[in-house]
Amino acid sequence: MKVRTATIALATALLAACASQPKPLQGEFAPMTPREAADTDRTGLMVRWGGRIVDVEPLPDRTCFEMISTRLSVTGRPYWASDDIGGRFIACRTGFYDPALFETNREVTFTGRIDGYENRRIGEYDYRLPRVAADVVYLWPVRERVDVVTRPAPWPWWGWW
């Protein structure tokens, strides 16, 4: 009986430890960064890319997002404040996505197919960006920053002296 209970507890703990992606982000995708895709023609490749929003451009029939790519965690969420960027990309999806909600530096993950490339200027630099026809636009909740106090204020009975 104890062995069975211990086995069930261990299996439950292992399953709870496995983080999974939200349902819309699940699937098989090419392990390629936008920078690698911009260096070669990878039109038609299915990708899951994410990062921070640089700009949102609502057009008459679709909305395009200019993104700075970061690595994704096992859940598909872009790493927070990561300097390990994988280049820039553009993701477009049919419909209107409000720039007031999809504001600069919000974290978004996209899934879709690379359908072409665009050349844009960033400052004085010509940049080739892969463009993704997005099937999924997944806006992540804002991360709250919390200051953790590890010891109480210096009251006379706790004192730090």
C-alpha atoms as a PDB file:
ATOM      1  CA  MET A   1       0.000   0.000   0.000  1.00  0.00           C
ATOM      2  CA  LYS A   2       2.816   2.426   0.882  1.00  0.00           C
ATOM      3  CA  VAL A   3       4.658   1.663  -2.360  1.00  0.00           C
ATOM      4  CA  ARG A   4       1.531   2.314  -4.404  1.00  0.00           C
ATOM      5  CA  THR A   5       0.850   5.608  -2.604  1.00  0.00           C
ATOM      6  CA  ALA A   6       4.471   6.691  -3.046  1.00  0.00           C
ATOM      7  CA  THR A   7       4.345   5.790  -6.757  1.00  0.00           C
ATOM      8  CA  ILE A   8       1.145   7.794  -7.283  1.00  0.00           C
ATOM      9  CA  ALA A   9       2.596  10.761  -5.381  1.00  0.00           C
ATOM     10  CA  LEU A  10       5.802  10.639  -7.448  1.00  0.00           C
ATOM     11  CA  ALA A  11       3.889  10.406 -10.737  1.00  0.00           C
ATOM     12  CA  THR A  12       1.696  13.354  -9.738  1.00  0.00           C
ATOM     13  CA  ALA A  13       4.730  15.425  -8.796  1.00  0.00           C
ATOM     14  CA  LEU A  14       6.457  14.638 -12.095  1.00  0.00           C
ATOM     15  CA  LEU A  15       3.377  15.554 -14.122  1.00  0.00           C
ATOM     16  CA  ALA A  16       2.939  18.789 -12.181  1.00  0.00           C
ATOM     17  CA  ALA A  17       6.575  19.672 -12.864  1.00  0.00           C
ATOM     18  CA  CYS A  18       6.059  19.414 -16.626  1.00  0.00           C
ATOM     19  CA  ALA A  19       5.125  22.834 -17.923  1.00  0.00           C
ATOM     20  CA  SER A  20       3.100  22.850 -21.080  1.00  0.00           C
ATOM     21  CA  GLN A  21       2.271  25.451 -23.639  1.00  0.00           C
ATOM     22  CA  PRO A  22      -1.176  26.969 -23.976  1.00  0.00           C
ATOM     23  CA  LYS A  23      -3.254  24.942 -26.450  1.00  0.00           C
ATOM     24  CA  PRO A  24      -3.036  27.494 -29.325  1.00  0.00           C
ATOM     25  CA  LEU A  25       0.794  27.426 -29.201  1.00  0.00           C
ATOM     26  CA  GLN A  26       1.223  23.656 -29.321  1.00  0.00           C
ATOM     27  CA  GLY A  27       2.525  21.893 -32.399  1.00  0.00           C
ATOM     28  CA  GLU A  28       5.660  21.124 -34.377  1.00  0.00           C
ATOM     29  CA  PHE A  29       7.674  24.107 -35.538  1.00  0.00           C
ATOM     30  CA  ALA A  30      11.080  24.653 -37.099  1.00  0.00           C
ATOM     31  CA  PRO A  31      13.818  25.540 -34.565  1.00  0.00           C
ATOM     32  CA  MET A  32      14.941  28.631 -36.453  1.00  0.00           C
ATOM     33  CA  THR A  33      15.379  32.220 -35.313  1.00  0.00           C
ATOM     34  CA  PRO A  34      14.204  35.194 -37.367  1.00  0.00           C
ATOM     35  CA  ARG A  35      17.858  36.174 -37.892  1.00  0.00           C
ATOM     36  CA  GLU A  36      18.608  32.751 -39.418  1.00  0.00           C
ATOM     37  CA  ALA A  37      15.466  32.930 -41.576  1.00  0.00           C
ATOM     38  CA  ALA A  38      16.458  36.390 -42.861  1.00  0.00           C
ATOM     39  CA  ASP A  39      19.861  35.094 -43.980  1.00  0.00           C
ATOM     40  CA  THR A  40      18.326  32.423 -46.211  1.00  0.00           C
ATOM     41  CA  ASP A  41      15.000  32.105 -48.000  1.00  0.00           C
ATOM     42  CA  ARG A  42      12.736  30.005 -45.756  1.00  0.00           C
ATOM     43  CA  THR A  43       9.368  30.932 -47.267  1.00  0.00           C
ATOM     44  CA  GLY A  44       6.686  28.413 -46.293  1.00  0.00           C
ATOM     45  CA  LEU A  45       8.371  27.265 -43.076  1.00  0.00           C
ATOM     46  CA  MET A  46       6.098  26.849 -40.016  1.00  0.00           C
ATOM     47  CA  VAL A  47       7.510  28.746 -37.024  1.00  0.00           C
ATOM     48  CA  ARG A  48       6.659  29.712 -33.444  1.00  0.00           C
ATOM     49  CA  TRP A  49       8.339  33.013 -32.667  1.00  0.00           C
ATOM     50  CA  GLY A  50       7.860  35.486 -29.885  1.00  0.00           C
ATOM     51  CA  GLY A  51       9.348  38.508 -28.263  1.00  0.00           C
ATOM     52  CA  ARG A  52       8.580  42.115 -27.431  1.00  0.00           C
ATOM     53  CA  ILE A  53       6.512  44.476 -29.545  1.00  0.00           C
ATOM     54  CA  VAL A  54       8.404  47.295 -31.260  1.00  0.00           C
ATOM     55  CA  ASP A  55       5.513  48.671 -33.326  1.00  0.00           C
ATOM     56  CA  VAL A  56       1.921  47.825 -34.252  1.00  0.00           C
ATOM     57  CA  GLU A  57       0.565  48.866 -37.647  1.00  0.00           C
ATOM     58  CA  PRO A  58      -3.210  48.475 -38.172  1.00  0.00           C
ATOM     59  CA  LEU A  59      -3.996  48.211 -41.909  1.00  0.00           C
ATOM     60  CA  PRO A  60      -7.433  48.120 -43.558  1.00  0.00           C
ATOM     61  CA  ASP A  61      -7.644  44.296 -43.621  1.00  0.00           C
ATOM     62  CA  ARG A  62      -5.005  43.150 -41.128  1.00  0.00           C
ATOM     63  CA  THR A  63      -2.686  44.222 -38.338  1.00  0.00           C
ATOM     64  CA  CYS A  64       1.092  43.866 -38.570  1.00  0.00           C
ATOM     65  CA  PHE A  65       3.418  43.671 -35.577  1.00  0.00           C
ATOM     66  CA  GLU A  66       7.096  44.537 -35.747  1.00  0.00           C
ATOM     67  CA  MET A  67       8.771  42.389 -33.131  1.00  0.00           C
ATOM     68  CA  ILE A  68      12.167  41.973 -31.531  1.00  0.00           C
ATOM     69  CA  SER A  69      12.595  38.243 -31.068  1.00  0.00           C
ATOM     70  CA  THR A  70      13.733  36.546 -27.865  1.00  0.00           C
ATOM     71  CA  ARG A  71      14.067  32.882 -26.946  1.00  0.00           C
ATOM     72  CA  LEU A  72      10.895  31.164 -25.770  1.00  0.00           C
ATOM     73  CA  SER A  73      10.499  29.267 -22.514  1.00  0.00           C
ATOM     74  CA  VAL A  74       9.074  25.734 -22.416  1.00  0.00           C
ATOM     75  CA  THR A  75       5.617  27.302 -22.085  1.00  0.00           C
ATOM     76  CA  GLY A  76       6.149  29.354 -25.261  1.00  0.00           C
ATOM     77  CA  ARG A  77       6.449  32.649 -23.408  1.00  0.00           C
ATOM     78  CA  PRO A  78       9.286  35.002 -24.392  1.00  0.00           C
ATOM     79  CA  TYR A  79      12.036  35.265 -21.797  1.00  0.00           C
ATOM     80  CA  TRP A  80      11.700  38.438 -19.779  1.00  0.00           C
ATOM     81  CA  ALA A  81      14.355  41.141 -20.272  1.00  0.00           C
ATOM     82  CA  SER A  82      16.526  38.825 -22.328  1.00  0.00           C
ATOM     83  CA  ASP A  83      19.425  40.342 -24.241  1.00  0.00           C
ATOM     84  CA  ASP A  84      19.722  37.097 -26.187  1.00  0.00           C
ATOM     85  CA  ILE A  85      17.719  38.285 -29.175  1.00  0.00           C
ATOM     86  CA  GLY A  86      17.229  36.360 -32.378  1.00  0.00           C
ATOM     87  CA  GLY A  87      16.661  39.322 -34.675  1.00  0.00           C
ATOM     88  CA  ARG A  88      13.505  41.096 -35.722  1.00  0.00           C
ATOM     89  CA  PHE A  89      10.460  39.907 -37.606  1.00  0.00           C
ATOM     90  CA  ILE A  90       7.043  41.059 -38.752  1.00  0.00           C
ATOM     91  CA  ALA A  91       3.887  39.093 -37.989  1.00  0.00           C
ATOM     92  CA  CYS A  92       0.594  39.929 -39.691  1.00  0.00           C
ATOM     93  CA  ARG A  93      -2.887  38.646 -38.897  1.00  0.00           C
ATOM     94  CA  THR A  94      -6.269  39.389 -40.418  1.00  0.00           C
ATOM     95  CA  GLY A  95      -8.392  41.722 -38.305  1.00  0.00           C
ATOM     96  CA  PHE A  96      -7.866  44.666 -36.008  1.00  0.00           C
ATOM     97  CA  TYR A  97      -5.613  44.400 -32.965  1.00  0.00           C
ATOM     98  CA  ASP A  98      -5.758  47.548 -30.857  1.00  0.00           C
ATOM     99  CA  PRO A  99      -2.354  49.275 -30.435  1.00  0.00           C
ATOM    100  CA  ALA A 100      -3.543  50.524 -27.034  1.00  0.00           C
ATOM    101  CA  LEU A 101      -3.607  46.914 -25.813  1.00  0.00           C
ATOM    102  CA  PHE A 102      -0.744  45.606 -27.960  1.00  0.00           C
ATOM    103  CA  GLU A 103       1.604  48.354 -26.812  1.00  0.00           C
ATOM    104  CA  THR A 104       5.393  48.610 -27.041  1.00  0.00           C
ATOM    105  CA  ASN A 105       7.339  46.012 -25.008  1.00  0.00           C
ATOM    106  CA  ARG A 106       4.356  43.680 -24.431  1.00  0.00           C
ATOM    107  CA  GLU A 107       5.229  40.013 -24.845  1.00  0.00           C
ATOM    108  CA  VAL A 108       3.554  38.156 -27.720  1.00  0.00           C
ATOM    109  CA  THR A 109       4.031  34.703 -29.237  1.00  0.00           C
ATOM    110  CA  PHE A 110       2.993  33.928 -32.814  1.00  0.00           C
ATOM    111  CA  THR A 111       2.599  30.727 -34.754  1.00  0.00           C
ATOM    112  CA  GLY A 112       2.364  30.709 -38.515  1.00  0.00           C
ATOM    113  CA  ARG A 113       4.109  30.346 -41.827  1.00  0.00           C
ATOM    114  CA  ILE A 114       6.865  32.565 -43.230  1.00  0.00           C
ATOM    115  CA  ASP A 115       5.213  34.128 -46.270  1.00  0.00           C
ATOM    116  CA  GLY A 116       7.910  36.546 -47.410  1.00  0.00           C
ATOM    117  CA  TYR A 117      10.402  39.208 -46.431  1.00  0.00           C
ATOM    118  CA  GLU A 118      10.385  42.981 -46.067  1.00  0.00           C
ATOM    119  CA  ASN A 119      13.266  45.427 -46.141  1.00  0.00           C
ATOM    120  CA  ARG A 120      12.991  48.232 -43.594  1.00  0.00           C
ATOM    121  CA  ARG A 121      15.321  50.899 -42.329  1.00  0.00           C
ATOM    122  CA  ILE A 122      16.191  50.961 -38.654  1.00  0.00           C
ATOM    123  CA  GLY A 123      17.983  54.243 -38.201  1.00  0.00           C
ATOM    124  CA  GLU A 124      20.443  54.299 -41.103  1.00  0.00           C
ATOM    125  CA  TYR A 125      20.635  50.510 -41.374  1.00  0.00           C
ATOM    126  CA  ASP A 126      18.786  48.449 -44.010  1.00  0.00           C
ATOM    127  CA  TYR A 127      17.272  45.415 -42.285  1.00  0.00           C
ATOM    128  CA  ARG A 128      15.681  42.354 -43.922  1.00  0.00           C
ATOM    129  CA  LEU A 129      12.807  41.057 -41.808  1.00  0.00           C
ATOM    130  CA  PRO A 130      10.990  37.770 -42.309  1.00  0.00           C
ATOM    131  CA  ARG A 131       7.191  38.212 -42.425  1.00  0.00           C
ATOM    132  CA  VAL A 132       4.959  35.630 -40.765  1.00  0.00           C
ATOM    133  CA  ALA A 133       1.336  35.040 -41.777  1.00  0.00           C
ATOM    134  CA  ALA A 134       0.197  34.424 -38.201  1.00  0.00           C
ATOM    135  CA  ASP A 135      -2.369  31.775 -37.350  1.00  0.00           C
ATOM    136  CA  VAL A 136      -2.144  32.579 -33.624  1.00  0.00           C
ATOM    137  CA  VAL A 137      -1.462  35.888 -31.853  1.00  0.00           C
ATOM    138  CA  TYR A 138      -0.944  35.096 -28.154  1.00  0.00           C
ATOM    139  CA  LEU A 139      -0.643  38.182 -25.938  1.00  0.00           C
ATOM    140  CA  TRP A 140       0.848  37.267 -22.570  1.00  0.00           C
ATOM    141  CA  PRO A 141      -0.369  38.892 -19.335  1.00  0.00           C
ATOM    142  CA  VAL A 142       1.776  41.705 -17.981  1.00  0.00           C
ATOM    143  CA  ARG A 143       4.337  40.445 -15.487  1.00  0.00           C
ATOM    144  CA  GLU A 144       4.039  42.123 -12.134  1.00  0.00           C
ATOM    145  CA  ARG A 145       7.275  43.098 -10.454  1.00  0.00           C
ATOM    146  CA  VAL A 146       7.306  42.362  -6.744  1.00  0.00           C
ATOM    147  CA  ASP A 147       9.923  43.509  -4.248  1.00  0.00           C
ATOM    148  CA  VAL A 148      10.574  40.762  -1.723  1.00  0.00           C
ATOM    149  CA  VAL A 149      11.739  41.866   1.720  1.00  0.00           C
ATOM    150  CA  THR A 150      13.813  39.082   3.236  1.00  0.00           C
ATOM    151  CA  ARG A 151      14.041  40.447   6.761  1.00  0.00           C
ATOM    152  CA  PRO A 152      11.711  42.620   8.797  1.00  0.00           C
ATOM    153  CA  ALA A 153      12.308  46.256   9.571  1.00  0.00           C
ATOM    154  CA  PRO A 154      14.794  46.825  12.434  1.00  0.00           C
ATOM    155  CA  TRP A 155      12.378  46.742  15.350  1.00  0.00           C
ATOM    156  CA  PRO A 156      14.025  46.707  18.783  1.00  0.00           C
ATOM    157  CA  TRP A 157      13.216  43.046  19.452  1.00  0.00           C
ATOM    158  CA  TRP A 158      14.419  41.887  15.987  1.00  0.00           C
ATOM    159  CA  GLY A 159      17.321  44.287  15.551  1.00  0.00           C
ATOM    160  CA  TRP A 160      19.992  43.897  12.905  1.00  0.00           C
ATOM    161  CA  TRP A 161      22.830  44.784  15.258  1.00  0.00           C
END
